[in-house]
Amino acid sequence: MKIYGLGSCDTCRKARKALPEAEFIDVREDLVPKEILLRAWQEFGPTLLNTRSKTWRSLSESDRAGVPLDLIADHPLLMKRPLIERDGTYYLGWTREVQEALGLAQ
């Protein structure tokens, strides 16, 4: 299992605490491999792009009009997080639904 996120993100910290056996990949330092981004985009589409982030708000309108996967590759903080991969299945965010799917919710 792998968690793609930010070490400084509270939501990612919660996921890491609940999934201590998971490998954590900090997207700011290690980036997300292109094939993982492609697969996540196929799974989640535009939901993968965090349009509520400070990074998004700092982009110009012309930058925002770019190809979403290129934007995430250039600005990893634009990816909604955490992105969790387990046995080829991807989960986005740390909602109750994700926790239940991972067998964690009470």
PDB file of N, CA and C in Angstrom:
ATOM      1  N   MET A   1       0.847  -1.167   0.000  1.00  0.00           N
ATOM      2  CA  MET A   1       0.000   0.000   0.000  1.00  0.00           C
ATOM      3  C   MET A   1       0.895   1.233   0.000  1.00  0.00           C
ATOM      4  N   LYS A   2       0.469   2.259  -0.755  1.00  0.00           N
ATOM      5  CA  LYS A   2       1.211   3.510  -0.828  1.00  0.00           C
ATOM      6  C   LYS A   2       0.258   4.669  -0.609  1.00  0.00           C
ATOM      7  N   ILE A   3       0.762   5.674   0.093  1.00  0.00           N
ATOM      8  CA  ILE A   3       0.018   6.906   0.303  1.00  0.00           C
ATOM      9  C   ILE A   3       0.815   8.024  -0.344  1.00  0.00           C
ATOM     10  N   TYR A   4       0.208   8.717  -1.302  1.00  0.00           N
ATOM     11  CA  TYR A   4       0.821   9.884  -1.925  1.00  0.00           C
ATOM     12  C   TYR A   4       0.197  11.108  -1.285  1.00  0.00           C
ATOM     13  N   GLY A   5       1.023  11.960  -0.707  1.00  0.00           N
ATOM     14  CA  GLY A   5       0.488  13.138  -0.041  1.00  0.00           C
ATOM     15  C   GLY A   5       1.591  14.082   0.377  1.00  0.00           C
ATOM     16  N   LEU A   6       1.288  14.914   1.357  1.00  0.00           N
ATOM     17  CA  LEU A   6       2.240  15.872   1.903  1.00  0.00           C
ATOM     18  C   LEU A   6       2.483  15.567   3.369  1.00  0.00           C
ATOM     19  N   GLY A   7       3.735  15.614   3.768  1.00  0.00           N
ATOM     20  CA  GLY A   7       4.067  15.376   5.165  1.00  0.00           C
ATOM     21  C   GLY A   7       3.457  16.419   6.084  1.00  0.00           C
ATOM     22  N   SER A   8       3.218  17.619   5.577  1.00  0.00           N
ATOM     23  CA  SER A   8       2.672  18.709   6.382  1.00  0.00           C
ATOM     24  C   SER A   8       1.151  18.782   6.355  1.00  0.00           C
ATOM     25  N   CYS A   9       0.501  17.891   5.634  1.00  0.00           N
ATOM     26  CA  CYS A   9      -0.961  17.904   5.493  1.00  0.00           C
ATOM     27  C   CYS A   9      -1.601  17.117   6.638  1.00  0.00           C
ATOM     28  N   ASP A  10      -2.508  17.769   7.372  1.00  0.00           N
ATOM     29  CA  ASP A  10      -3.168  17.102   8.501  1.00  0.00           C
ATOM     30  C   ASP A  10      -3.949  15.869   8.067  1.00  0.00           C
ATOM     31  N   THR A  11      -4.630  15.958   6.948  1.00  0.00           N
ATOM     32  CA  THR A  11      -5.411  14.826   6.456  1.00  0.00           C
ATOM     33  C   THR A  11      -4.488  13.661   6.111  1.00  0.00           C
ATOM     34  N   CYS A  12      -3.361  13.958   5.488  1.00  0.00           N
ATOM     35  CA  CYS A  12      -2.398  12.905   5.158  1.00  0.00           C
ATOM     36  C   CYS A  12      -1.815  12.281   6.424  1.00  0.00           C
ATOM     37  N   ARG A  13      -1.599  13.105   7.439  1.00  0.00           N
ATOM     38  CA  ARG A  13      -1.096  12.575   8.721  1.00  0.00           C
ATOM     39  C   ARG A  13      -2.092  11.592   9.338  1.00  0.00           C
ATOM     40  N   LYS A  14      -3.381  11.923   9.251  1.00  0.00           N
ATOM     41  CA  LYS A  14      -4.403  11.012   9.778  1.00  0.00           C
ATOM     42  C   LYS A  14      -4.375   9.682   9.036  1.00  0.00           C
ATOM     43  N   ALA A  15      -4.256   9.753   7.706  1.00  0.00           N
ATOM     44  CA  ALA A  15      -4.198   8.523   6.907  1.00  0.00           C
ATOM     45  C   ALA A  15      -2.956   7.714   7.261  1.00  0.00           C
ATOM     46  N   ARG A  16      -1.820   8.384   7.414  1.00  0.00           N
ATOM     47  CA  ARG A  16      -0.578   7.676   7.757  1.00  0.00           C
ATOM     48  C   ARG A  16      -0.681   7.013   9.127  1.00  0.00           C
ATOM     49  N   LYS A  17      -1.298   7.690  10.078  1.00  0.00           N
ATOM     50  CA  LYS A  17      -1.452   7.125  11.417  1.00  0.00           C
ATOM     51  C   LYS A  17      -2.345   5.890  11.386  1.00  0.00           C
ATOM     52  N   ALA A  18      -3.409   5.949  10.589  1.00  0.00           N
ATOM     53  CA  ALA A  18      -4.341   4.825  10.493  1.00  0.00           C
ATOM     54  C   ALA A  18      -3.773   3.675   9.668  1.00  0.00           C
ATOM     55  N   LEU A  19      -2.808   3.970   8.796  1.00  0.00           N
ATOM     56  CA  LEU A  19      -2.212   2.966   7.904  1.00  0.00           C
ATOM     57  C   LEU A  19      -0.695   2.932   8.092  1.00  0.00           C
ATOM     58  N   PRO A  20      -0.229   2.557   9.278  1.00  0.00           N
ATOM     59  CA  PRO A  20       1.212   2.641   9.567  1.00  0.00           C
ATOM     60  C   PRO A  20       2.079   1.739   8.680  1.00  0.00           C
ATOM     61  N   GLU A  21       1.485   0.702   8.099  1.00  0.00           N
ATOM     62  CA  GLU A  21       2.259  -0.210   7.254  1.00  0.00           C
ATOM     63  C   GLU A  21       2.444   0.327   5.834  1.00  0.00           C
ATOM     64  N   ALA A  22       1.734   1.383   5.495  1.00  0.00           N
ATOM     65  CA  ALA A  22       1.779   1.936   4.136  1.00  0.00           C
ATOM     66  C   ALA A  22       3.067   2.726   3.913  1.00  0.00           C
ATOM     67  N   GLU A  23       3.566   2.647   2.704  1.00  0.00           N
ATOM     68  CA  GLU A  23       4.715   3.456   2.301  1.00  0.00           C
ATOM     69  C   GLU A  23       4.198   4.859   1.987  1.00  0.00           C
ATOM     70  N   PHE A  24       4.840   5.873   2.555  1.00  0.00           N
ATOM     71  CA  PHE A  24       4.416   7.246   2.313  1.00  0.00           C
ATOM     72  C   PHE A  24       5.338   7.908   1.297  1.00  0.00           C
ATOM     73  N   ILE A  25       4.741   8.530   0.287  1.00  0.00           N
ATOM     74  CA  ILE A  25       5.492   9.258  -0.734  1.00  0.00           C
ATOM     75  C   ILE A  25       5.066  10.715  -0.651  1.00  0.00           C
ATOM     76  N   ASP A  26       5.999  11.576  -0.280  1.00  0.00           N
ATOM     77  CA  ASP A  26       5.726  13.005  -0.197  1.00  0.00           C
ATOM     78  C   ASP A  26       5.796  13.579  -1.604  1.00  0.00           C
ATOM     79  N   VAL A  27       4.667  14.059  -2.120  1.00  0.00           N
ATOM     80  CA  VAL A  27       4.602  14.518  -3.512  1.00  0.00           C
ATOM     81  C   VAL A  27       5.430  15.772  -3.751  1.00  0.00           C
ATOM     82  N   ARG A  28       5.740  16.497  -2.706  1.00  0.00           N
ATOM     83  CA  ARG A  28       6.565  17.691  -2.857  1.00  0.00           C
ATOM     84  C   ARG A  28       8.023  17.298  -3.111  1.00  0.00           C
ATOM     85  N   GLU A  29       8.463  16.225  -2.484  1.00  0.00           N
ATOM     86  CA  GLU A  29       9.856  15.805  -2.602  1.00  0.00           C
ATOM     87  C   GLU A  29      10.065  14.757  -3.698  1.00  0.00           C
ATOM     88  N   ASP A  30       9.194  13.782  -3.750  1.00  0.00           N
ATOM     89  CA  ASP A  30       9.399  12.632  -4.638  1.00  0.00           C
ATOM     90  C   ASP A  30       8.517  12.640  -5.877  1.00  0.00           C
ATOM     91  N   LEU A  31       7.546  13.547  -5.928  1.00  0.00           N
ATOM     92  CA  LEU A  31       6.600  13.629  -7.035  1.00  0.00           C
ATOM     93  C   LEU A  31       5.800  12.337  -7.180  1.00  0.00           C
ATOM     94  N   VAL A  32       4.814  12.376  -8.021  1.00  0.00           N
ATOM     95  CA  VAL A  32       3.984  11.203  -8.290  1.00  0.00           C
ATOM     96  C   VAL A  32       4.376  10.686  -9.668  1.00  0.00           C
ATOM     97  N   PRO A  33       4.717   9.407  -9.775  1.00  0.00           N
ATOM     98  CA  PRO A  33       5.082   8.872 -11.090  1.00  0.00           C
ATOM     99  C   PRO A  33       3.973   9.105 -12.114  1.00  0.00           C
ATOM    100  N   LYS A  34       4.381   9.387 -13.334  1.00  0.00           N
ATOM    101  CA  LYS A  34       3.442   9.712 -14.415  1.00  0.00           C
ATOM    102  C   LYS A  34       2.367   8.628 -14.572  1.00  0.00           C
ATOM    103  N   GLU A  35       2.762   7.350 -14.515  1.00  0.00           N
ATOM    104  CA  GLU A  35       1.786   6.272 -14.698  1.00  0.00           C
ATOM    105  C   GLU A  35       0.749   6.250 -13.570  1.00  0.00           C
ATOM    106  N   ILE A  36       1.158   6.635 -12.364  1.00  0.00           N
ATOM    107  CA  ILE A  36       0.219   6.701 -11.238  1.00  0.00           C
ATOM    108  C   ILE A  36      -0.766   7.849 -11.463  1.00  0.00           C
ATOM    109  N   LEU A  37      -0.241   9.005 -11.902  1.00  0.00           N
ATOM    110  CA  LEU A  37      -1.113  10.137 -12.198  1.00  0.00           C
ATOM    111  C   LEU A  37      -2.124   9.802 -13.284  1.00  0.00           C
ATOM    112  N   LEU A  38      -1.665   9.117 -14.329  1.00  0.00           N
ATOM    113  CA  LEU A  38      -2.569   8.742 -15.419  1.00  0.00           C
ATOM    114  C   LEU A  38      -3.675   7.829 -14.917  1.00  0.00           C
ATOM    115  N   ARG A  39      -3.300   6.839 -14.150  1.00  0.00           N
ATOM    116  CA  ARG A  39      -4.285   5.896 -13.608  1.00  0.00           C
ATOM    117  C   ARG A  39      -5.268   6.605 -12.674  1.00  0.00           C
ATOM    118  N   ALA A  40      -4.741   7.492 -11.825  1.00  0.00           N
ATOM    119  CA  ALA A  40      -5.608   8.234 -10.907  1.00  0.00           C
ATOM    120  C   ALA A  40      -6.554   9.145 -11.681  1.00  0.00           C
ATOM    121  N   TRP A  41      -6.066   9.752 -12.765  1.00  0.00           N
ATOM    122  CA  TRP A  41      -6.927  10.609 -13.574  1.00  0.00           C
ATOM    123  C   TRP A  41      -8.037   9.788 -14.228  1.00  0.00           C
ATOM    124  N   GLN A  42      -7.696   8.597 -14.704  1.00  0.00           N
ATOM    125  CA  GLN A  42      -8.711   7.722 -15.295  1.00  0.00           C
ATOM    126  C   GLN A  42      -9.771   7.358 -14.258  1.00  0.00           C
ATOM    127  N   GLU A  43      -9.355   7.172 -13.044  1.00  0.00           N
ATOM    128  CA  GLU A  43     -10.259   6.769 -11.960  1.00  0.00           C
ATOM    129  C   GLU A  43     -11.107   7.939 -11.447  1.00  0.00           C
ATOM    130  N   PHE A  44     -10.480   9.108 -11.234  1.00  0.00           N
ATOM    131  CA  PHE A  44     -11.154  10.211 -10.551  1.00  0.00           C
ATOM    132  C   PHE A  44     -11.447  11.430 -11.419  1.00  0.00           C
ATOM    133  N   GLY A  45     -10.823  11.521 -12.582  1.00  0.00           N
ATOM    134  CA  GLY A  45     -11.047  12.663 -13.461  1.00  0.00           C
ATOM    135  C   GLY A  45     -10.712  13.982 -12.798  1.00  0.00           C
ATOM    136  N   PRO A  46     -11.487  15.029 -13.074  1.00  0.00           N
ATOM    137  CA  PRO A  46     -11.196  16.360 -12.554  1.00  0.00           C
ATOM    138  C   PRO A  46     -11.171  16.454 -11.024  1.00  0.00           C
ATOM    139  N   THR A  47     -11.756  15.486 -10.351  1.00  0.00           N
ATOM    140  CA  THR A  47     -11.731  15.483  -8.884  1.00  0.00           C
ATOM    141  C   THR A  47     -10.302  15.414  -8.350  1.00  0.00           C
ATOM    142  N   LEU A  48      -9.390  14.882  -9.147  1.00  0.00           N
ATOM    143  CA  LEU A  48      -7.988  14.764  -8.736  1.00  0.00           C
ATOM    144  C   LEU A  48      -7.322  16.128  -8.576  1.00  0.00           C
ATOM    145  N   LEU A  49      -7.841  17.122  -9.264  1.00  0.00           N
ATOM    146  CA  LEU A  49      -7.270  18.467  -9.240  1.00  0.00           C
ATOM    147  C   LEU A  49      -7.902  19.264  -8.100  1.00  0.00           C
ATOM    148  N   ASN A  50      -7.089  19.710  -7.170  1.00  0.00           N
ATOM    149  CA  ASN A  50      -7.574  20.453  -6.008  1.00  0.00           C
ATOM    150  C   ASN A  50      -7.699  21.934  -6.367  1.00  0.00           C
ATOM    151  N   THR A  51      -8.895  22.336  -6.764  1.00  0.00           N
ATOM    152  CA  THR A  51      -9.121  23.714  -7.171  1.00  0.00           C
ATOM    153  C   THR A  51      -9.422  24.633  -5.986  1.00  0.00           C
ATOM    154  N   ARG A  52      -9.323  24.114  -4.776  1.00  0.00           N
ATOM    155  CA  ARG A  52      -9.532  24.920  -3.576  1.00  0.00           C
ATOM    156  C   ARG A  52      -8.213  25.283  -2.900  1.00  0.00           C
ATOM    157  N   SER A  53      -7.105  24.845  -3.490  1.00  0.00           N
ATOM    158  CA  SER A  53      -5.805  25.056  -2.860  1.00  0.00           C
ATOM    159  C   SER A  53      -5.257  26.463  -3.108  1.00  0.00           C
ATOM    160  N   LYS A  54      -4.334  26.868  -2.249  1.00  0.00           N
ATOM    161  CA  LYS A  54      -3.643  28.149  -2.439  1.00  0.00           C
ATOM    162  C   LYS A  54      -2.881  28.142  -3.755  1.00  0.00           C
ATOM    163  N   THR A  55      -2.309  27.010  -4.088  1.00  0.00           N
ATOM    164  CA  THR A  55      -1.548  26.902  -5.337  1.00  0.00           C
ATOM    165  C   THR A  55      -2.451  27.199  -6.530  1.00  0.00           C
ATOM    166  N   TRP A  56      -3.650  26.623  -6.538  1.00  0.00           N
ATOM    167  CA  TRP A  56      -4.591  26.858  -7.630  1.00  0.00           C
ATOM    168  C   TRP A  56      -4.944  28.346  -7.720  1.00  0.00           C
ATOM    169  N   ARG A  57      -5.237  28.939  -6.580  1.00  0.00           N
ATOM    170  CA  ARG A  57      -5.623  30.349  -6.568  1.00  0.00           C
ATOM    171  C   ARG A  57      -4.489  31.254  -7.025  1.00  0.00           C
ATOM    172  N   SER A  58      -3.254  30.812  -6.862  1.00  0.00           N
ATOM    173  CA  SER A  58      -2.111  31.634  -7.267  1.00  0.00           C
ATOM    174  C   SER A  58      -1.814  31.543  -8.768  1.00  0.00           C
ATOM    175  N   LEU A  59      -2.424  30.571  -9.450  1.00  0.00           N
ATOM    176  CA  LEU A  59      -2.184  30.418 -10.888  1.00  0.00           C
ATOM    177  C   LEU A  59      -2.975  31.451 -11.686  1.00  0.00           C
ATOM    178  N   SER A  60      -2.406  31.862 -12.806  1.00  0.00           N
ATOM    179  CA  SER A  60      -3.125  32.764 -13.704  1.00  0.00           C
ATOM    180  C   SER A  60      -4.232  31.977 -14.410  1.00  0.00           C
ATOM    181  N   GLU A  61      -5.173  32.702 -14.986  1.00  0.00           N
ATOM    182  CA  GLU A  61      -6.259  32.056 -15.721  1.00  0.00           C
ATOM    183  C   GLU A  61      -5.713  31.215 -16.873  1.00  0.00           C
ATOM    184  N   SER A  62      -4.687  31.714 -17.543  1.00  0.00           N
ATOM    185  CA  SER A  62      -4.119  30.954 -18.661  1.00  0.00           C
ATOM    186  C   SER A  62      -3.447  29.677 -18.162  1.00  0.00           C
ATOM    187  N   ASP A  63      -2.799  29.741 -16.994  1.00  0.00           N
ATOM    188  CA  ASP A  63      -2.200  28.525 -16.429  1.00  0.00           C
ATOM    189  C   ASP A  63      -3.285  27.527 -16.037  1.00  0.00           C
ATOM    190  N   ARG A  64      -4.353  28.010 -15.439  1.00  0.00           N
ATOM    191  CA  ARG A  64      -5.458  27.134 -15.020  1.00  0.00           C
ATOM    192  C   ARG A  64      -6.093  26.417 -16.204  1.00  0.00           C
ATOM    193  N   ALA A  65      -5.999  27.019 -17.371  1.00  0.00           N
ATOM    194  CA  ALA A  65      -6.594  26.426 -18.577  1.00  0.00           C
ATOM    195  C   ALA A  65      -5.719  25.314 -19.153  1.00  0.00           C
ATOM    196  N   GLY A  66      -4.568  25.066 -18.541  1.00  0.00           N
ATOM    197  CA  GLY A  66      -3.664  24.038 -19.045  1.00  0.00           C
ATOM    198  C   GLY A  66      -4.204  22.633 -18.843  1.00  0.00           C
ATOM    199  N   VAL A  67      -3.468  21.670 -19.364  1.00  0.00           N
ATOM    200  CA  VAL A  67      -3.820  20.250 -19.220  1.00  0.00           C
ATOM    201  C   VAL A  67      -3.681  19.874 -17.740  1.00  0.00           C
ATOM    202  N   PRO A  68      -4.759  19.379 -17.120  1.00  0.00           N
ATOM    203  CA  PRO A  68      -4.734  19.104 -15.684  1.00  0.00           C
ATOM    204  C   PRO A  68      -3.564  18.223 -15.225  1.00  0.00           C
ATOM    205  N   LEU A  69      -3.261  17.163 -15.941  1.00  0.00           N
ATOM    206  CA  LEU A  69      -2.156  16.300 -15.519  1.00  0.00           C
ATOM    207  C   LEU A  69      -0.821  17.024 -15.602  1.00  0.00           C
ATOM    208  N   ASP A  70      -0.659  17.899 -16.592  1.00  0.00           N
ATOM    209  CA  ASP A  70       0.564  18.690 -16.679  1.00  0.00           C
ATOM    210  C   ASP A  70       0.641  19.674 -15.519  1.00  0.00           C
ATOM    211  N   LEU A  71      -0.499  20.248 -15.153  1.00  0.00           N
ATOM    212  CA  LEU A  71      -0.530  21.161 -14.004  1.00  0.00           C
ATOM    213  C   LEU A  71      -0.104  20.443 -12.723  1.00  0.00           C
ATOM    214  N   ILE A  72      -0.640  19.246 -12.513  1.00  0.00           N
ATOM    215  CA  ILE A  72      -0.288  18.478 -11.315  1.00  0.00           C
ATOM    216  C   ILE A  72       1.184  18.082 -11.355  1.00  0.00           C
ATOM    217  N   ALA A  73       1.686  17.701 -12.526  1.00  0.00           N
ATOM    218  CA  ALA A  73       3.103  17.337 -12.644  1.00  0.00           C
ATOM    219  C   ALA A  73       3.994  18.543 -12.341  1.00  0.00           C
ATOM    220  N   ASP A  74       3.588  19.728 -12.806  1.00  0.00           N
ATOM    221  CA  ASP A  74       4.371  20.938 -12.569  1.00  0.00           C
ATOM    222  C   ASP A  74       4.184  21.502 -11.165  1.00  0.00           C
ATOM    223  N   HIS A  75       3.007  21.286 -10.590  1.00  0.00           N
ATOM    224  CA  HIS A  75       2.662  21.807  -9.263  1.00  0.00           C
ATOM    225  C   HIS A  75       2.027  20.673  -8.454  1.00  0.00           C
ATOM    226  N   PRO A  76       2.825  19.789  -7.866  1.00  0.00           N
ATOM    227  CA  PRO A  76       2.279  18.609  -7.173  1.00  0.00           C
ATOM    228  C   PRO A  76       1.275  18.942  -6.074  1.00  0.00           C
ATOM    229  N   LEU A  77       1.336  20.158  -5.544  1.00  0.00           N
ATOM    230  CA  LEU A  77       0.398  20.521  -4.484  1.00  0.00           C
ATOM    231  C   LEU A  77      -1.021  20.685  -5.008  1.00  0.00           C
ATOM    232  N   LEU A  78      -1.200  20.656  -6.319  1.00  0.00           N
ATOM    233  CA  LEU A  78      -2.540  20.747  -6.909  1.00  0.00           C
ATOM    234  C   LEU A  78      -3.299  19.428  -6.857  1.00  0.00           C
ATOM    235  N   MET A  79      -2.611  18.349  -6.517  1.00  0.00           N
ATOM    236  CA  MET A  79      -3.289  17.056  -6.451  1.00  0.00           C
ATOM    237  C   MET A  79      -4.055  16.955  -5.133  1.00  0.00           C
ATOM    238  N   LYS A  80      -5.316  16.572  -5.229  1.00  0.00           N
ATOM    239  CA  LYS A  80      -6.091  16.320  -4.021  1.00  0.00           C
ATOM    240  C   LYS A  80      -5.417  15.158  -3.300  1.00  0.00           C
ATOM    241  N   ARG A  81      -5.465  15.182  -1.986  1.00  0.00           N
ATOM    242  CA  ARG A  81      -4.737  14.172  -1.239  1.00  0.00           C
ATOM    243  C   ARG A  81      -5.492  13.768   0.032  1.00  0.00           C
ATOM    244  N   PRO A  82      -5.110  12.638   0.547  1.00  0.00           N
ATOM    245  CA  PRO A  82      -4.104  11.711   0.022  1.00  0.00           C
ATOM    246  C   PRO A  82      -4.661  10.865  -1.130  1.00  0.00           C
ATOM    247  N   LEU A  83      -3.748  10.418  -1.946  1.00  0.00           N
ATOM    248  CA  LEU A  83      -4.049   9.426  -2.977  1.00  0.00           C
ATOM    249  C   LEU A  83      -3.478   8.121  -2.446  1.00  0.00           C
ATOM    250  N   ILE A  84      -4.329   7.134  -2.263  1.00  0.00           N
ATOM    251  CA  ILE A  84      -3.909   5.856  -1.676  1.00  0.00           C
ATOM    252  C   ILE A  84      -4.053   4.773  -2.727  1.00  0.00           C
ATOM    253  N   GLU A  85      -3.006   3.971  -2.849  1.00  0.00           N
ATOM    254  CA  GLU A  85      -3.028   2.834  -3.779  1.00  0.00           C
ATOM    255  C   GLU A  85      -2.878   1.564  -2.954  1.00  0.00           C
ATOM    256  N   ARG A  86      -3.825   0.650  -3.132  1.00  0.00           N
ATOM    257  CA  ARG A  86      -3.745  -0.656  -2.459  1.00  0.00           C
ATOM    258  C   ARG A  86      -4.133  -1.730  -3.455  1.00  0.00           C
ATOM    259  N   ASP A  87      -3.199  -2.595  -3.747  1.00  0.00           N
ATOM    260  CA  ASP A  87      -3.441  -3.739  -4.637  1.00  0.00           C
ATOM    261  C   ASP A  87      -4.074  -3.318  -5.963  1.00  0.00           C
ATOM    262  N   GLY A  88      -3.597  -2.213  -6.527  1.00  0.00           N
ATOM    263  CA  GLY A  88      -4.084  -1.753  -7.822  1.00  0.00           C
ATOM    264  C   GLY A  88      -5.368  -0.950  -7.779  1.00  0.00           C
ATOM    265  N   THR A  89      -5.929  -0.764  -6.586  1.00  0.00           N
ATOM    266  CA  THR A  89      -7.125   0.054  -6.432  1.00  0.00           C
ATOM    267  C   THR A  89      -6.714   1.383  -5.824  1.00  0.00           C
ATOM    268  N   TYR A  90      -7.328   2.459  -6.330  1.00  0.00           N
ATOM    269  CA  TYR A  90      -6.985   3.804  -5.877  1.00  0.00           C
ATOM    270  C   TYR A  90      -8.129   4.418  -5.091  1.00  0.00           C
ATOM    271  N   TYR A  91      -7.751   5.188  -4.076  1.00  0.00           N
ATOM    272  CA  TYR A  91      -8.695   5.899  -3.225  1.00  0.00           C
ATOM    273  C   TYR A  91      -8.216   7.335  -3.125  1.00  0.00           C
ATOM    274  N   LEU A  92      -9.139   8.272  -3.131  1.00  0.00           N
ATOM    275  CA  LEU A  92      -8.780   9.680  -3.089  1.00  0.00           C
ATOM    276  C   LEU A  92      -9.435  10.351  -1.896  1.00  0.00           C
ATOM    277  N   GLY A  93      -8.624  11.016  -1.100  1.00  0.00           N
ATOM    278  CA  GLY A  93      -9.112  11.704   0.087  1.00  0.00           C
ATOM    279  C   GLY A  93      -9.112  10.781   1.299  1.00  0.00           C
ATOM    280  N   TRP A  94      -9.619  11.282   2.395  1.00  0.00           N
ATOM    281  CA  TRP A  94      -9.679  10.509   3.635  1.00  0.00           C
ATOM    282  C   TRP A  94     -11.077  10.624   4.231  1.00  0.00           C
ATOM    283  N   THR A  95     -12.046  10.314   3.400  1.00  0.00           N
ATOM    284  CA  THR A  95     -13.447  10.374   3.809  1.00  0.00           C
ATOM    285  C   THR A  95     -13.842   9.094   4.531  1.00  0.00           C
ATOM    286  N   ARG A  96     -14.999   9.118   5.126  1.00  0.00           N
ATOM    287  CA  ARG A  96     -15.516   7.913   5.782  1.00  0.00           C
ATOM    288  C   ARG A  96     -15.629   6.772   4.766  1.00  0.00           C
ATOM    289  N   GLU A  97     -16.046   7.097   3.538  1.00  0.00           N
ATOM    290  CA  GLU A  97     -16.178   6.071   2.502  1.00  0.00           C
ATOM    291  C   GLU A  97     -14.834   5.406   2.194  1.00  0.00           C
ATOM    292  N   VAL A  98     -13.785   6.212   2.116  1.00  0.00           N
ATOM    293  CA  VAL A  98     -12.451   5.660   1.860  1.00  0.00           C
ATOM    294  C   VAL A  98     -12.025   4.794   3.042  1.00  0.00           C
ATOM    295  N   GLN A  99     -12.245   5.277   4.238  1.00  0.00           N
ATOM    296  CA  GLN A  99     -11.872   4.515   5.431  1.00  0.00           C
ATOM    297  C   GLN A  99     -12.629   3.193   5.497  1.00  0.00           C
ATOM    298  N   GLU A 100     -13.907   3.218   5.160  1.00  0.00           N
ATOM    299  CA  GLU A 100     -14.694   1.981   5.148  1.00  0.00           C
ATOM    300  C   GLU A 100     -14.177   1.023   4.083  1.00  0.00           C
ATOM    301  N   ALA A 101     -13.854   1.544   2.897  1.00  0.00           N
ATOM    302  CA  ALA A 101     -13.343   0.698   1.827  1.00  0.00           C
ATOM    303  C   ALA A 101     -12.019   0.044   2.222  1.00  0.00           C
ATOM    304  N   LEU A 102     -11.262   0.727   3.054  1.00  0.00           N
ATOM    305  CA  LEU A 102      -9.981   0.183   3.528  1.00  0.00           C
ATOM    306  C   LEU A 102     -10.154  -0.659   4.798  1.00  0.00           C
ATOM    307  N   GLY A 103     -11.399  -0.789   5.253  1.00  0.00           N
ATOM    308  CA  GLY A 103     -11.673  -1.620   6.424  1.00  0.00           C
ATOM    309  C   GLY A 103     -11.321  -0.956   7.736  1.00  0.00           C
ATOM    310  N   LEU A 104     -11.363   0.387   7.793  1.00  0.00           N
ATOM    311  CA  LEU A 104     -10.931   1.100   8.992  1.00  0.00           C
ATOM    312  C   LEU A 104     -12.040   1.774   9.766  1.00  0.00           C
ATOM    313  N   ALA A 105     -13.111   2.156   9.131  1.00  0.00           N
ATOM    314  CA  ALA A 105     -14.165   2.925   9.813  1.00  0.00           C
ATOM    315  C   ALA A 105     -14.917   2.039  10.804  1.00  0.00           C
ATOM    316  N   GLN A 106     -15.271   2.639  11.939  1.00  0.00           N
ATOM    317  CA  GLN A 106     -16.022   1.904  12.959  1.00  0.00           C
ATOM    318  C   GLN A 106     -17.477   1.912  12.638  1.00  0.00           C
TER     319      GLN A 106
END
